[in-house]
Amino acid sequence: MTTLVEAMLETARLVTPIVEGTATGGSTTTLIDTNRTEPPEFFTGGILFMTSGDLSGSCYAITGYGENTMTIPTAAAAVSDGDTYAAVPGGYFDKETLKQAIFYGLRGYGLIMLVDESLSFVAEQAEYDLPANVSNIRRVEIAE
C-alpha cells in the first residue's frame, strides 16, 4: 500500500527537479550533507523526504539551508550518517501545498477501502473486538 508520503514524493518527482543524496550527519532538526554544493537558501521552503534510516517514510518542511545543512522542524529521531533522502528545492511548492494536491486528486475516487487480510475469524462467531486504532468502520464484507 502506498502511503501519503510516498505519493507526495512520487508526485514531486514528476513535476519538479528532485535532489537526492546521503546524509553525512545530522540531528533531530538538521540534515547535513557535506557533498551539497547549492548556494545558501537553495532548499529553504522546500520539502525533505527521508528514504532510509530511522526517519524513512517521513517528510519535513525545510525551514532553512546553508553550509550543507538543511534545517527542519523537530523530528522523532536524529538524522544519521548514511541516511538517504530526496529534497525538493525551495520555490516550487511547499509540503502543505503538495499534500493538499494529493488529497484533491484522491477526491475523485470517493471512499478508499482499507483491506486488512491479517484478521482471523472463528467459524460461527458473530461478534468480534476491533483491533487497536481501528474506528469509523463503514462497511464489513463477510466471506462465504
N, C-alpha and C. Protein backbone atom coordinates (compact mmCIF):
# COMPACT_ATOMS: atom_id res chain seq x y z
N MET A 1 0.85 -1.18 0.00
CA MET A 1 0.00 0.00 0.00
C MET A 1 0.89 1.24 0.00
N THR A 2 0.53 2.21 -0.77
CA THR A 2 1.27 3.46 -0.84
C THR A 2 0.82 4.39 0.28
N THR A 3 1.79 5.02 0.93
CA THR A 3 1.46 5.99 1.97
C THR A 3 1.34 7.38 1.36
N LEU A 4 0.83 8.31 2.13
CA LEU A 4 0.72 9.69 1.67
C LEU A 4 2.11 10.24 1.32
N VAL A 5 3.10 9.98 2.16
CA VAL A 5 4.45 10.49 1.90
C VAL A 5 5.01 9.90 0.61
N GLU A 6 4.78 8.61 0.36
CA GLU A 6 5.25 8.01 -0.88
C GLU A 6 4.57 8.64 -2.09
N ALA A 7 3.27 8.89 -1.99
CA ALA A 7 2.54 9.55 -3.08
C ALA A 7 3.05 10.97 -3.30
N MET A 8 3.35 11.68 -2.21
CA MET A 8 3.88 13.03 -2.34
C MET A 8 5.24 13.02 -3.03
N LEU A 9 6.11 12.09 -2.65
CA LEU A 9 7.44 12.02 -3.25
C LEU A 9 7.35 11.67 -4.73
N GLU A 10 6.54 10.69 -5.08
CA GLU A 10 6.42 10.32 -6.49
C GLU A 10 5.81 11.44 -7.32
N THR A 11 4.85 12.17 -6.77
CA THR A 11 4.28 13.31 -7.47
C THR A 11 5.33 14.40 -7.66
N ALA A 12 6.08 14.68 -6.61
CA ALA A 12 7.13 15.69 -6.71
C ALA A 12 8.15 15.31 -7.77
N ARG A 13 8.50 14.04 -7.84
CA ARG A 13 9.45 13.58 -8.86
C ARG A 13 8.94 13.83 -10.28
N LEU A 14 7.62 13.79 -10.45
CA LEU A 14 7.04 14.01 -11.78
C LEU A 14 7.01 15.47 -12.19
N VAL A 15 6.90 16.38 -11.22
CA VAL A 15 6.63 17.77 -11.58
C VAL A 15 7.74 18.76 -11.23
N THR A 16 8.80 18.32 -10.59
CA THR A 16 9.85 19.26 -10.20
C THR A 16 11.19 18.53 -10.10
N PRO A 17 12.28 19.26 -10.21
CA PRO A 17 13.57 18.58 -10.01
C PRO A 17 13.71 18.14 -8.57
N ILE A 18 14.21 16.94 -8.39
CA ILE A 18 14.45 16.39 -7.06
C ILE A 18 15.94 16.19 -6.90
N VAL A 19 16.46 16.56 -5.74
CA VAL A 19 17.87 16.34 -5.42
C VAL A 19 17.92 15.18 -4.44
N GLU A 20 18.70 14.16 -4.76
CA GLU A 20 18.82 13.01 -3.86
C GLU A 20 20.24 12.93 -3.34
N GLY A 21 20.37 12.42 -2.12
CA GLY A 21 21.69 12.33 -1.54
C GLY A 21 21.73 11.45 -0.31
N THR A 22 22.88 11.44 0.32
CA THR A 22 23.11 10.66 1.52
C THR A 22 23.65 11.59 2.60
N ALA A 23 23.00 11.57 3.75
CA ALA A 23 23.43 12.43 4.85
C ALA A 23 24.81 12.02 5.35
N THR A 24 25.60 13.01 5.72
CA THR A 24 26.88 12.74 6.37
C THR A 24 26.80 13.02 7.86
N GLY A 25 25.62 13.42 8.32
CA GLY A 25 25.39 13.68 9.74
C GLY A 25 24.06 14.38 9.92
N GLY A 26 23.77 14.78 11.13
CA GLY A 26 22.53 15.48 11.39
C GLY A 26 22.10 15.38 12.84
N SER A 27 20.88 15.81 13.07
CA SER A 27 20.29 15.79 14.41
C SER A 27 18.79 15.67 14.24
N THR A 28 18.03 15.93 15.29
CA THR A 28 16.57 15.89 15.16
C THR A 28 16.04 17.12 14.43
N THR A 29 16.87 18.12 14.20
CA THR A 29 16.43 19.33 13.50
C THR A 29 17.28 19.68 12.27
N THR A 30 18.26 18.84 11.94
CA THR A 30 19.10 19.13 10.78
C THR A 30 19.48 17.87 10.01
N LEU A 31 19.73 18.07 8.73
CA LEU A 31 20.35 17.05 7.89
C LEU A 31 21.59 17.70 7.30
N ILE A 32 22.73 17.07 7.49
CA ILE A 32 23.98 17.58 6.95
C ILE A 32 24.43 16.66 5.83
N ASP A 33 24.77 17.26 4.69
CA ASP A 33 25.33 16.50 3.58
C ASP A 33 26.49 17.34 3.03
N THR A 34 27.71 16.98 3.40
CA THR A 34 28.88 17.76 3.01
C THR A 34 29.16 17.68 1.51
N ASN A 35 28.41 16.85 0.79
CA ASN A 35 28.57 16.78 -0.67
C ASN A 35 27.70 17.79 -1.41
N ARG A 36 26.82 18.51 -0.71
CA ARG A 36 25.93 19.50 -1.34
C ARG A 36 26.75 20.73 -1.71
N THR A 37 26.48 21.29 -2.89
CA THR A 37 27.20 22.48 -3.36
C THR A 37 26.26 23.63 -3.70
N GLU A 38 24.96 23.46 -3.40
CA GLU A 38 24.00 24.51 -3.73
C GLU A 38 24.24 25.75 -2.85
N PRO A 39 23.84 26.93 -3.36
CA PRO A 39 24.04 28.16 -2.59
C PRO A 39 23.11 28.23 -1.38
N PRO A 40 23.43 29.12 -0.42
CA PRO A 40 22.55 29.29 0.75
C PRO A 40 21.11 29.57 0.33
N GLU A 41 20.17 29.09 1.09
CA GLU A 41 18.73 29.25 0.90
C GLU A 41 18.16 28.46 -0.27
N PHE A 42 18.98 27.68 -0.98
CA PHE A 42 18.51 26.93 -2.14
C PHE A 42 17.34 26.01 -1.80
N PHE A 43 17.41 25.34 -0.66
CA PHE A 43 16.36 24.40 -0.26
C PHE A 43 15.32 25.02 0.68
N THR A 44 15.56 26.22 1.17
CA THR A 44 14.62 26.85 2.11
C THR A 44 13.24 26.98 1.48
N GLY A 45 12.23 26.49 2.18
CA GLY A 45 10.86 26.49 1.67
C GLY A 45 10.51 25.23 0.89
N GLY A 46 11.46 24.33 0.74
CA GLY A 46 11.24 23.09 0.02
C GLY A 46 10.80 21.96 0.96
N ILE A 47 10.96 20.74 0.48
CA ILE A 47 10.50 19.57 1.23
C ILE A 47 11.62 18.54 1.29
N LEU A 48 11.83 17.97 2.47
CA LEU A 48 12.81 16.91 2.67
C LEU A 48 12.08 15.60 2.89
N PHE A 49 12.36 14.60 2.06
CA PHE A 49 11.80 13.26 2.19
C PHE A 49 12.92 12.34 2.65
N MET A 50 12.73 11.65 3.76
CA MET A 50 13.72 10.69 4.23
C MET A 50 13.39 9.33 3.60
N THR A 51 14.39 8.71 2.95
CA THR A 51 14.14 7.46 2.23
C THR A 51 14.82 6.25 2.85
N SER A 52 15.61 6.45 3.91
CA SER A 52 16.16 5.33 4.66
C SER A 52 16.48 5.80 6.07
N GLY A 53 16.83 4.87 6.93
CA GLY A 53 17.16 5.20 8.31
C GLY A 53 15.94 5.23 9.21
N ASP A 54 16.14 5.72 10.43
CA ASP A 54 15.06 5.77 11.42
C ASP A 54 13.89 6.64 10.99
N LEU A 55 14.14 7.62 10.13
CA LEU A 55 13.08 8.54 9.69
C LEU A 55 12.51 8.18 8.32
N SER A 56 12.88 7.02 7.79
CA SER A 56 12.41 6.61 6.47
C SER A 56 10.88 6.67 6.40
N GLY A 57 10.39 7.23 5.29
CA GLY A 57 8.94 7.33 5.11
C GLY A 57 8.34 8.60 5.69
N SER A 58 9.18 9.52 6.14
CA SER A 58 8.66 10.78 6.68
C SER A 58 9.13 11.94 5.80
N CYS A 59 8.44 13.07 5.92
CA CYS A 59 8.86 14.24 5.17
C CYS A 59 8.70 15.48 6.05
N TYR A 60 9.47 16.50 5.73
CA TYR A 60 9.53 17.71 6.56
C TYR A 60 9.65 18.95 5.68
N ALA A 61 9.08 20.03 6.14
CA ALA A 61 9.30 21.32 5.50
C ALA A 61 10.74 21.74 5.81
N ILE A 62 11.43 22.23 4.81
CA ILE A 62 12.80 22.72 5.02
C ILE A 62 12.70 24.19 5.38
N THR A 63 13.07 24.52 6.61
CA THR A 63 12.91 25.90 7.09
C THR A 63 14.16 26.75 6.89
N GLY A 64 15.27 26.12 6.54
CA GLY A 64 16.49 26.87 6.29
C GLY A 64 17.53 25.98 5.64
N TYR A 65 18.45 26.64 4.90
CA TYR A 65 19.54 25.88 4.28
C TYR A 65 20.76 26.78 4.18
N GLY A 66 21.89 26.25 4.60
CA GLY A 66 23.15 26.95 4.48
C GLY A 66 24.28 26.04 4.90
N GLU A 67 25.44 26.21 4.31
CA GLU A 67 26.63 25.43 4.64
C GLU A 67 26.36 23.94 4.69
N ASN A 68 25.72 23.41 3.66
CA ASN A 68 25.45 21.97 3.53
C ASN A 68 24.50 21.41 4.58
N THR A 69 23.72 22.28 5.21
CA THR A 69 22.83 21.85 6.29
C THR A 69 21.40 22.30 6.02
N MET A 70 20.47 21.33 6.00
CA MET A 70 19.05 21.62 5.89
C MET A 70 18.47 21.62 7.30
N THR A 71 17.69 22.65 7.61
CA THR A 71 17.04 22.74 8.91
C THR A 71 15.57 22.37 8.74
N ILE A 72 15.08 21.53 9.65
CA ILE A 72 13.69 21.06 9.61
C ILE A 72 13.07 21.19 11.00
N PRO A 73 11.73 21.12 11.10
CA PRO A 73 11.11 21.06 12.43
C PRO A 73 11.59 19.79 13.14
N THR A 74 11.46 19.76 14.43
CA THR A 74 11.96 18.64 15.23
C THR A 74 11.36 17.31 14.78
N ALA A 75 12.23 16.36 14.45
CA ALA A 75 11.82 15.02 14.01
C ALA A 75 11.81 14.07 15.21
N ALA A 76 11.21 12.91 15.00
CA ALA A 76 11.09 11.91 16.06
C ALA A 76 12.42 11.25 16.39
N ALA A 77 13.36 11.28 15.48
CA ALA A 77 14.69 10.69 15.69
C ALA A 77 15.70 11.57 14.96
N ALA A 78 16.95 11.32 15.23
CA ALA A 78 18.01 12.10 14.59
C ALA A 78 18.35 11.54 13.22
N VAL A 79 18.70 12.43 12.30
CA VAL A 79 19.24 12.02 11.01
C VAL A 79 20.64 11.48 11.28
N SER A 80 20.97 10.35 10.67
CA SER A 80 22.28 9.72 10.90
C SER A 80 23.11 9.68 9.63
N ASP A 81 24.41 9.58 9.80
CA ASP A 81 25.33 9.40 8.69
C ASP A 81 24.90 8.16 7.90
N GLY A 82 24.74 8.29 6.60
CA GLY A 82 24.33 7.18 5.75
C GLY A 82 22.85 7.15 5.41
N ASP A 83 22.02 7.94 6.11
CA ASP A 83 20.60 8.01 5.78
C ASP A 83 20.45 8.66 4.40
N THR A 84 19.58 8.10 3.57
CA THR A 84 19.35 8.69 2.25
C THR A 84 18.11 9.57 2.27
N TYR A 85 18.07 10.51 1.34
CA TYR A 85 16.97 11.48 1.30
C TYR A 85 16.74 11.96 -0.12
N ALA A 86 15.59 12.59 -0.32
CA ALA A 86 15.27 13.31 -1.55
C ALA A 86 14.75 14.67 -1.11
N ALA A 87 15.12 15.72 -1.82
CA ALA A 87 14.70 17.06 -1.43
C ALA A 87 14.19 17.85 -2.62
N VAL A 88 13.09 18.55 -2.39
CA VAL A 88 12.55 19.48 -3.38
C VAL A 88 13.13 20.85 -3.04
N PRO A 89 13.82 21.50 -3.97
CA PRO A 89 14.34 22.84 -3.68
C PRO A 89 13.21 23.83 -3.38
N GLY A 90 13.53 24.87 -2.66
CA GLY A 90 12.54 25.91 -2.38
C GLY A 90 12.11 26.60 -3.66
N GLY A 91 10.92 27.21 -3.63
CA GLY A 91 10.44 27.96 -4.78
C GLY A 91 9.50 27.19 -5.69
N TYR A 92 9.36 25.90 -5.49
CA TYR A 92 8.44 25.13 -6.32
C TYR A 92 7.09 25.01 -5.63
N PHE A 93 7.02 24.34 -4.53
CA PHE A 93 5.81 24.24 -3.71
C PHE A 93 6.24 23.75 -2.34
N ASP A 94 5.42 24.06 -1.35
CA ASP A 94 5.77 23.62 0.00
C ASP A 94 5.05 22.31 0.34
N LYS A 95 5.38 21.77 1.49
CA LYS A 95 4.84 20.47 1.92
C LYS A 95 3.31 20.48 1.96
N GLU A 96 2.71 21.49 2.55
CA GLU A 96 1.25 21.53 2.70
C GLU A 96 0.55 21.64 1.34
N THR A 97 1.11 22.41 0.42
CA THR A 97 0.52 22.54 -0.91
C THR A 97 0.54 21.20 -1.63
N LEU A 98 1.65 20.49 -1.55
CA LEU A 98 1.75 19.19 -2.20
C LEU A 98 0.79 18.19 -1.56
N LYS A 99 0.69 18.20 -0.24
CA LYS A 99 -0.23 17.29 0.45
C LYS A 99 -1.67 17.56 0.05
N GLN A 100 -2.06 18.81 -0.02
CA GLN A 100 -3.43 19.17 -0.42
C GLN A 100 -3.70 18.78 -1.87
N ALA A 101 -2.69 18.88 -2.73
CA ALA A 101 -2.87 18.47 -4.13
C ALA A 101 -3.13 16.97 -4.22
N ILE A 102 -2.44 16.18 -3.42
CA ILE A 102 -2.68 14.73 -3.39
C ILE A 102 -4.10 14.45 -2.92
N PHE A 103 -4.51 15.09 -1.83
CA PHE A 103 -5.87 14.89 -1.32
C PHE A 103 -6.92 15.29 -2.35
N TYR A 104 -6.68 16.40 -3.04
CA TYR A 104 -7.62 16.86 -4.06
C TYR A 104 -7.73 15.82 -5.18
N GLY A 105 -6.60 15.27 -5.60
CA GLY A 105 -6.61 14.26 -6.64
C GLY A 105 -7.34 12.99 -6.22
N LEU A 106 -7.27 12.64 -4.95
CA LEU A 106 -7.94 11.44 -4.46
C LEU A 106 -9.44 11.62 -4.29
N ARG A 107 -9.91 12.86 -4.23
CA ARG A 107 -11.35 13.11 -4.04
C ARG A 107 -12.19 12.41 -5.09
N GLY A 108 -11.72 12.36 -6.31
CA GLY A 108 -12.47 11.76 -7.40
C GLY A 108 -12.67 10.26 -7.25
N TYR A 109 -11.89 9.64 -6.38
CA TYR A 109 -12.00 8.21 -6.18
C TYR A 109 -13.04 7.84 -5.13
N GLY A 110 -13.58 8.81 -4.43
CA GLY A 110 -14.55 8.52 -3.37
C GLY A 110 -13.86 7.87 -2.18
N LEU A 111 -14.61 7.10 -1.43
CA LEU A 111 -14.03 6.43 -0.27
C LEU A 111 -13.04 5.36 -0.72
N ILE A 112 -11.95 5.28 -0.03
CA ILE A 112 -10.94 4.28 -0.35
C ILE A 112 -11.00 3.21 0.73
N MET A 113 -11.26 2.00 0.31
CA MET A 113 -11.41 0.90 1.25
C MET A 113 -10.04 0.41 1.70
N LEU A 114 -9.92 0.13 2.97
CA LEU A 114 -8.72 -0.48 3.52
C LEU A 114 -9.03 -1.94 3.75
N VAL A 115 -8.22 -2.80 3.20
CA VAL A 115 -8.42 -4.24 3.36
C VAL A 115 -7.36 -4.74 4.31
N ASP A 116 -7.80 -5.40 5.36
CA ASP A 116 -6.88 -5.98 6.33
C ASP A 116 -7.07 -7.49 6.30
N GLU A 117 -6.17 -8.17 5.62
CA GLU A 117 -6.29 -9.62 5.49
C GLU A 117 -5.60 -10.36 6.63
N SER A 118 -5.06 -9.60 7.61
CA SER A 118 -4.40 -10.26 8.73
C SER A 118 -5.38 -10.66 9.82
N LEU A 119 -6.62 -10.20 9.74
CA LEU A 119 -7.60 -10.55 10.75
C LEU A 119 -7.99 -12.02 10.62
N SER A 120 -8.13 -12.68 11.74
CA SER A 120 -8.55 -14.08 11.70
C SER A 120 -10.00 -14.16 12.16
N PHE A 121 -10.62 -15.26 11.84
CA PHE A 121 -12.02 -15.42 12.22
C PHE A 121 -12.24 -16.80 12.82
N VAL A 122 -13.35 -16.91 13.49
CA VAL A 122 -13.74 -18.17 14.10
C VAL A 122 -15.08 -18.56 13.50
N ALA A 123 -15.18 -19.80 13.03
CA ALA A 123 -16.43 -20.26 12.42
C ALA A 123 -17.59 -20.09 13.38
N GLU A 124 -18.70 -19.60 12.84
CA GLU A 124 -19.95 -19.42 13.59
C GLU A 124 -19.89 -18.32 14.65
N GLN A 125 -18.82 -17.54 14.72
CA GLN A 125 -18.74 -16.43 15.68
C GLN A 125 -19.35 -15.20 15.04
N ALA A 126 -20.23 -14.51 15.77
CA ALA A 126 -20.95 -13.37 15.21
C ALA A 126 -20.39 -12.03 15.67
N GLU A 127 -19.65 -11.97 16.77
CA GLU A 127 -19.14 -10.71 17.29
C GLU A 127 -17.63 -10.79 17.47
N TYR A 128 -16.98 -9.67 17.15
CA TYR A 128 -15.53 -9.58 17.26
C TYR A 128 -15.17 -8.25 17.89
N ASP A 129 -14.02 -8.19 18.54
CA ASP A 129 -13.48 -6.93 19.03
C ASP A 129 -12.63 -6.32 17.92
N LEU A 130 -12.73 -5.02 17.74
CA LEU A 130 -11.92 -4.35 16.72
C LEU A 130 -10.47 -4.26 17.19
N PRO A 131 -9.52 -4.38 16.26
CA PRO A 131 -8.11 -4.20 16.62
C PRO A 131 -7.87 -2.76 17.11
N ALA A 132 -6.79 -2.57 17.84
CA ALA A 132 -6.43 -1.23 18.32
C ALA A 132 -6.32 -0.27 17.14
N ASN A 133 -6.70 0.96 17.33
CA ASN A 133 -6.60 2.05 16.35
C ASN A 133 -7.52 1.88 15.14
N VAL A 134 -8.51 1.01 15.22
CA VAL A 134 -9.48 0.85 14.13
C VAL A 134 -10.77 1.52 14.58
N SER A 135 -11.27 2.42 13.75
CA SER A 135 -12.52 3.11 14.07
C SER A 135 -13.18 3.55 12.76
N ASN A 136 -14.33 4.16 12.88
CA ASN A 136 -15.04 4.69 11.73
C ASN A 136 -15.27 3.63 10.65
N ILE A 137 -15.69 2.44 11.07
CA ILE A 137 -15.96 1.35 10.14
C ILE A 137 -17.26 1.66 9.40
N ARG A 138 -17.21 1.62 8.08
CA ARG A 138 -18.41 1.93 7.29
C ARG A 138 -18.97 0.71 6.59
N ARG A 139 -18.12 -0.28 6.39
CA ARG A 139 -18.60 -1.46 5.70
C ARG A 139 -17.73 -2.65 6.09
N VAL A 140 -18.38 -3.79 6.28
CA VAL A 140 -17.68 -5.03 6.56
C VAL A 140 -18.16 -6.06 5.55
N GLU A 141 -17.23 -6.69 4.89
CA GLU A 141 -17.59 -7.74 3.95
C GLU A 141 -17.35 -9.08 4.61
N ILE A 142 -18.31 -9.98 4.48
CA ILE A 142 -18.21 -11.29 5.09
C ILE A 142 -18.07 -12.32 4.00
N ALA A 143 -17.00 -13.08 4.06
CA ALA A 143 -16.77 -14.13 3.06
C ALA A 143 -17.67 -15.31 3.35
N GLU A 144 -18.09 -15.97 2.31
CA GLU A 144 -18.94 -17.17 2.46
C GLU A 144 -18.05 -18.37 2.70
